[in-house]
């Protein structure tokens, strides 16, 4: 990611949650500690099933008297429906602002050149009144700017940025093992810990109860993590649900097939230590498992 590039992510949506009970509401349902979120700090979090399985993930950013949830756009309506299930008598308002705000990504170097910016995951500053966040999952993913289209164009010009094809950004995200496209295919099929949420700073094990907390904490405490979501590289199209085979042994399953494939792969197999030099197949097609 070059310093003066910007990637406008048309497939990201923005939900705004505000109201008297908004902090308590989010604290009771998401995997991270909402107390970490302030005008200068944002966090990555997820919403799980009561059994601890993946439903949604998002970046939480403080905005005025409430919070932005930066999430995949094709899941916005479904996420709002789920939030409304937990709303009950909470004094909050949930708005879909995806048609009013854009999400764009700038390089880490450009972010650190902004006033008051710090080299800390989740660090948040304002530019022209809009939040810019050093990605809380990985600093290598750069800074995320949330602004309406008119202000985004002004910021783009004033910062001397050139809009580039977001495929370059998503290719980097895929290489880092961070799925952001077609994540609905993970729903209710993989546990939060299997999605690498601990490594991506998306789970706080000290915050107390949230939806899915009991199973998540048990997996962590008893070291029961046996599978992990990992990116695949293939020159051919794969199919969701295909078995991943190594030495004729089933070691996983393709969960996201395109455009950036991921599979849930078994860990700690004695014969799996040298898999990088072995033939791995899915749909009888050669694949590589990308690991850091």
Protein backbone atom coordinates (compact mmCIF):
# COMPACT_ATOMS: atom_id res chain seq x y z
CA UNK A 1 0.00 0.00 0.00
CA UNK A 2 1.68 3.18 -1.20
CA UNK A 3 1.60 6.40 0.79
CA UNK A 4 -0.59 8.49 -1.51
CA UNK A 5 -3.12 5.82 -2.45
CA UNK A 6 -6.69 5.67 -1.21
CA UNK A 7 -9.11 2.77 -1.59
CA UNK A 8 -12.83 3.58 -1.51
CA UNK A 9 -14.66 0.51 -0.21
CA UNK A 10 -18.11 0.51 -1.79
CA UNK A 11 -18.94 -2.83 -0.18
CA UNK A 12 -18.73 -1.47 3.38
CA UNK A 13 -21.77 -0.23 5.23
CA UNK A 14 -22.24 2.06 8.22
CA UNK A 15 -24.68 1.55 11.09
CA UNK A 16 -25.07 4.32 13.68
CA UNK A 17 -26.25 3.43 17.18
CA UNK A 18 -27.01 6.17 19.70
CA UNK A 19 -29.15 6.85 22.74
CA UNK A 20 -29.10 6.88 26.52
CA UNK A 21 -28.36 3.15 26.85
CA UNK A 22 -26.09 2.67 23.84
CA UNK A 23 -22.87 1.90 25.75
CA UNK A 24 -24.47 -0.67 28.04
CA UNK A 25 -26.35 -2.19 25.10
CA UNK A 26 -23.22 -2.83 23.07
CA UNK A 27 -21.19 -3.93 26.09
CA UNK A 28 -23.70 -6.71 26.79
CA UNK A 29 -23.61 -8.25 23.31
CA UNK A 30 -20.25 -7.72 21.52
CA UNK A 31 -17.01 -9.62 22.08
CA UNK A 32 -14.82 -6.60 22.82
CA UNK A 33 -14.86 -4.06 25.63
CA UNK A 34 -16.78 -0.96 24.57
CA UNK A 35 -14.89 1.00 27.24
CA UNK A 36 -11.88 0.87 24.91
CA UNK A 37 -13.73 3.04 22.40
CA UNK A 38 -13.27 6.80 22.70
CA UNK A 39 -12.61 9.82 20.52
CA UNK A 40 -9.00 8.62 20.22
CA UNK A 41 -9.45 4.84 20.13
CA UNK A 42 -11.60 2.38 18.16
CA UNK A 43 -11.89 -1.40 18.33
CA UNK A 44 -12.69 -4.49 16.30
CA UNK A 45 -15.48 -6.69 17.63
CA UNK A 46 -17.98 -9.33 16.63
CA UNK A 47 -21.46 -10.56 17.44
CA UNK A 48 -21.69 -14.29 18.07
CA UNK A 49 -24.46 -16.81 18.52
CA UNK A 50 -25.20 -17.90 22.10
CA UNK A 51 -23.05 -20.97 21.30
CA UNK A 52 -20.09 -18.73 20.42
CA UNK A 53 -20.27 -19.07 16.63
CA UNK A 54 -19.68 -16.27 14.15
CA UNK A 55 -22.51 -14.03 13.00
CA UNK A 56 -21.05 -10.59 12.21
CA UNK A 57 -17.87 -8.60 12.65
CA UNK A 58 -17.34 -4.84 12.58
CA UNK A 59 -15.16 -1.95 13.65
CA UNK A 60 -16.67 0.23 16.39
CA UNK A 61 -15.88 3.95 16.19
CA UNK A 62 -17.05 6.70 18.51
CA UNK A 63 -19.15 9.33 16.68
CA UNK A 64 -20.89 12.24 18.40
CA UNK A 65 -23.16 10.74 21.10
CA UNK A 66 -23.08 7.22 19.69
CA UNK A 67 -21.06 4.70 17.70
CA UNK A 68 -20.44 3.83 14.07
CA UNK A 69 -20.37 0.14 13.18
CA UNK A 70 -18.28 -0.31 10.03
CA UNK A 71 -19.37 -3.66 8.57
CA UNK A 72 -19.83 -5.52 5.29
CA UNK A 73 -22.63 -3.74 3.41
CA UNK A 74 -24.48 -6.87 2.31
CA UNK A 75 -24.94 -7.78 5.99
CA UNK A 76 -26.22 -4.42 7.23
CA UNK A 77 -29.94 -5.25 7.20
CA UNK A 78 -29.38 -8.63 8.82
CA UNK A 79 -27.15 -7.12 11.49
CA UNK A 80 -29.74 -4.43 12.28
CA UNK A 81 -32.41 -7.14 12.62
CA UNK A 82 -30.20 -9.00 15.09
CA UNK A 83 -29.45 -5.83 17.06
CA UNK A 84 -33.18 -5.15 17.29
CA UNK A 85 -33.70 -8.61 18.81
CA UNK A 86 -31.41 -7.63 21.68
CA UNK A 87 -32.75 -4.09 21.92
CA UNK A 88 -35.77 -4.96 24.12
CA UNK A 89 -36.46 -1.85 26.26
CA UNK A 90 -33.06 -0.23 25.73
CA UNK A 91 -33.23 3.46 24.96
CA UNK A 92 -31.28 3.38 21.72
CA UNK A 93 -31.75 4.25 18.06
CA UNK A 94 -30.28 2.16 15.25
CA UNK A 95 -29.83 3.78 11.83
CA UNK A 96 -28.54 2.49 8.52
CA UNK A 97 -26.32 5.30 7.20
CA UNK A 98 -24.72 3.29 4.39
CA UNK A 99 -26.14 5.62 1.75
CA UNK A 100 -24.75 8.68 3.49
CA UNK A 101 -21.23 7.64 4.50
CA UNK A 102 -18.32 6.07 2.65
CA UNK A 103 -15.47 4.00 4.04
CA UNK A 104 -12.04 4.56 2.54
CA UNK A 105 -8.57 3.26 3.37
CA UNK A 106 -5.29 5.16 3.36
CA UNK A 107 -1.82 3.78 3.97
CA UNK A 108 -0.29 3.52 7.41
CA UNK A 109 2.35 6.07 6.39
CA UNK A 110 -0.33 8.56 5.37
CA UNK A 111 -2.24 7.95 8.59
CA UNK A 112 0.84 8.59 10.72
CA UNK A 113 1.37 11.87 8.87
CA UNK A 114 -1.96 13.17 10.21
CA UNK A 115 -1.99 15.46 13.23
CA UNK A 116 -1.99 13.61 16.58
CA UNK A 117 -1.75 10.19 14.89
CA UNK A 118 0.00 7.42 16.84
CA UNK A 119 1.40 4.07 15.75
CA UNK A 120 -1.10 2.11 17.84
CA UNK A 121 -3.79 -0.25 16.54
CA UNK A 122 -7.18 1.42 16.80
CA UNK A 123 -5.70 4.90 17.24
CA UNK A 124 -8.31 7.40 16.07
CA UNK A 125 -7.89 10.99 14.94
CA UNK A 126 -10.11 13.50 13.17
CA UNK A 127 -9.53 14.91 9.71
CA UNK A 128 -11.95 17.62 8.56
CA UNK A 129 -14.14 16.49 11.44
CA UNK A 130 -14.30 12.86 10.26
CA UNK A 131 -12.82 9.88 12.13
CA UNK A 132 -9.70 8.18 10.74
CA UNK A 133 -8.75 4.89 12.42
CA UNK A 134 -5.52 2.90 12.26
CA UNK A 135 -7.10 -0.49 11.61
CA UNK A 136 -7.59 -2.21 15.00
CA UNK A 137 -7.08 -5.66 13.44
CA UNK A 138 -3.69 -4.96 11.87
CA UNK A 139 -1.70 -1.78 11.34
CA UNK A 140 -0.70 -3.18 7.95
CA UNK A 141 -4.27 -2.53 6.75
CA UNK A 142 -3.71 1.22 7.10
CA UNK A 143 -6.14 3.89 8.23
CA UNK A 144 -9.90 3.87 7.69
CA UNK A 145 -11.64 7.16 6.95
CA UNK A 146 -15.41 7.47 7.35
CA UNK A 147 -17.00 10.48 5.68
CA UNK A 148 -19.91 11.46 3.46
CA UNK A 149 -19.11 11.45 -0.25
CA UNK A 150 -18.72 15.21 -0.61
CA UNK A 151 -16.31 15.51 2.33
CA UNK A 152 -14.46 12.39 1.22
CA UNK A 153 -13.72 13.99 -2.14
CA UNK A 154 -12.49 17.14 -0.40
CA UNK A 155 -10.24 15.11 1.90
CA UNK A 156 -8.93 13.12 -1.04
CA UNK A 157 -7.85 16.33 -2.77
CA UNK A 158 -6.45 18.08 0.31
CA UNK A 159 -4.38 15.04 1.26
CA UNK A 160 -3.12 14.58 -2.30
CA UNK A 161 -4.52 11.06 -2.59
CA UNK A 162 -5.17 9.03 -5.72
CA UNK A 163 -8.09 6.58 -5.75
CA UNK A 164 -7.01 3.04 -6.61
CA UNK A 165 -8.78 -0.26 -7.29
CA UNK A 166 -9.77 -1.73 -3.88
CA UNK A 167 -8.82 -5.20 -5.13
CA UNK A 168 -5.25 -4.36 -4.13
CA UNK A 169 -6.41 -3.65 -0.58
CA UNK A 170 -8.51 -6.81 -0.34
CA UNK A 171 -5.66 -8.91 -1.72
CA UNK A 172 -3.49 -7.63 1.13
CA UNK A 173 -6.25 -8.35 3.65
CA UNK A 174 -6.58 -11.89 2.28
CA UNK A 175 -2.83 -12.45 2.54
CA UNK A 176 -2.96 -11.29 6.17
CA UNK A 177 -5.72 -13.83 6.85
CA UNK A 178 -8.49 -11.27 7.41
CA UNK A 179 -11.72 -12.03 5.52
CA UNK A 180 -13.83 -9.01 4.57
CA UNK A 181 -15.77 -10.22 1.51
CA UNK A 182 -18.66 -12.74 1.63
CA UNK A 183 -18.26 -13.21 5.37
CA UNK A 184 -21.93 -14.23 5.55
CA UNK A 185 -20.72 -17.66 4.41
CA UNK A 186 -19.07 -18.05 7.82
CA UNK A 187 -22.27 -17.50 9.79
CA UNK A 188 -22.98 -20.20 12.36
CA UNK A 189 -20.22 -22.42 10.88
CA UNK A 190 -17.13 -21.32 12.77
CA UNK A 191 -16.39 -20.23 16.34
CA UNK A 192 -15.12 -16.74 17.05
CA UNK A 193 -11.73 -18.02 18.20
CA UNK A 194 -11.45 -20.09 15.02
CA UNK A 195 -11.86 -16.82 13.08
CA UNK A 196 -8.61 -15.58 14.66
CA UNK A 197 -10.48 -12.87 16.58
CA UNK A 198 -8.06 -13.11 19.49
CA UNK A 199 -5.08 -12.39 17.21
CA UNK A 200 -7.07 -9.61 15.51
CA UNK A 201 -7.76 -7.87 18.85
CA UNK A 202 -11.46 -8.64 18.59
CA UNK A 203 -12.08 -10.43 21.90
CA UNK A 204 -11.63 -9.15 25.44
CA UNK A 205 -11.40 -12.00 27.94
CA UNK A 206 -11.68 -9.69 30.96
CA UNK A 207 -14.82 -7.71 30.12
CA UNK A 208 -17.38 -10.15 31.47
CA UNK A 209 -20.54 -11.46 29.86
CA UNK A 210 -21.57 -11.05 26.24
CA UNK A 211 -23.46 -13.23 23.78
CA UNK A 212 -21.43 -16.41 23.23
CA UNK A 213 -18.97 -15.60 26.03
CA UNK A 214 -19.29 -18.89 27.91
CA UNK A 215 -18.16 -21.19 25.08
CA UNK A 216 -15.52 -18.70 23.90
CA UNK A 217 -13.98 -18.48 27.38
CA UNK A 218 -14.10 -22.27 27.80
CA UNK A 219 -12.29 -22.84 24.48
CA UNK A 220 -9.62 -20.37 25.55
CA UNK A 221 -9.23 -21.67 29.10
CA UNK A 222 -9.09 -25.35 28.16
CA UNK A 223 -7.05 -24.79 25.00
CA UNK A 224 -9.72 -26.42 22.85
CA UNK A 225 -8.91 -24.53 19.66
CA UNK A 226 -8.46 -27.30 17.10
CA UNK A 227 -9.21 -25.50 13.84
CA UNK A 228 -8.36 -22.15 12.35
CA UNK A 229 -9.67 -20.05 9.46
CA UNK A 230 -6.85 -19.65 6.95
CA UNK A 231 -6.65 -18.10 3.47
CA UNK A 232 -6.22 -20.31 0.42
CA UNK A 233 -4.50 -19.61 -2.86
CA UNK A 234 -5.70 -21.37 -5.98
CA UNK A 235 -5.54 -20.77 -9.71
CA UNK A 236 -8.99 -22.31 -10.10
CA UNK A 237 -12.42 -21.56 -8.67
CA UNK A 238 -13.26 -23.57 -5.56
CA UNK A 239 -16.64 -24.62 -4.19
CA UNK A 240 -18.02 -23.83 -0.74
CA UNK A 241 -18.12 -26.97 1.37
CA UNK A 242 -15.33 -28.75 -0.49
CA UNK A 243 -13.00 -30.86 1.62
CA UNK A 244 -9.37 -29.82 1.85
CA UNK A 245 -7.16 -32.91 1.54
CA UNK A 246 -3.54 -33.46 2.58
CA UNK A 247 -1.91 -36.86 2.02
CA UNK A 248 -5.42 -38.20 1.35
CA UNK A 249 -6.54 -37.04 4.81
CA UNK A 250 -9.36 -34.52 5.28
CA UNK A 251 -7.81 -31.52 7.05
CA UNK A 252 -10.48 -28.89 6.52
CA UNK A 253 -13.33 -27.39 4.55
CA UNK A 254 -13.68 -24.46 2.18
CA UNK A 255 -16.03 -21.87 3.73
CA UNK A 256 -15.50 -18.87 1.45
CA UNK A 257 -14.73 -19.72 -2.17
CA UNK A 258 -14.43 -16.38 -3.97
CA UNK A 259 -13.06 -13.90 -4.66
CA UNK A 260 -10.74 -14.44 -1.69
CA UNK A 261 -11.03 -18.06 -0.49
CA UNK A 262 -10.77 -19.19 3.12
CA UNK A 263 -10.94 -22.64 4.68
CA UNK A 264 -11.33 -23.93 8.20
CA UNK A 265 -8.19 -26.01 8.71
CA UNK A 266 -7.43 -28.53 11.43
CA UNK A 267 -4.41 -27.80 13.61
CA UNK A 268 -1.84 -29.94 15.40
CA UNK A 269 -2.00 -32.87 12.98
CA UNK A 270 1.33 -34.75 13.34
CA UNK A 271 1.62 -35.13 9.56
CA UNK A 272 0.78 -31.49 8.92
CA UNK A 273 4.01 -29.89 10.07
CA UNK A 274 5.54 -29.75 6.59
CA UNK A 275 2.39 -29.07 4.61
CA UNK A 276 4.02 -26.14 2.78
CA UNK A 277 6.04 -28.63 0.75
CA UNK A 278 3.23 -31.12 0.17
CA UNK A 279 0.34 -31.35 -2.25
CA UNK A 280 -2.92 -30.02 -0.87
CA UNK A 281 -6.17 -30.45 -2.79
CA UNK A 282 -9.69 -29.04 -2.75
CA UNK A 283 -12.16 -30.19 -5.41
CA UNK A 284 -9.15 -32.17 -6.71
CA UNK A 285 -7.54 -28.81 -7.49
CA UNK A 286 -4.18 -27.80 -6.13
CA UNK A 287 -4.32 -25.16 -3.41
CA UNK A 288 -1.85 -23.48 -1.10
CA UNK A 289 -2.61 -22.54 2.50
CA UNK A 290 -1.31 -19.04 3.21
CA UNK A 291 0.26 -18.70 6.64
CA UNK A 292 2.15 -15.79 8.16
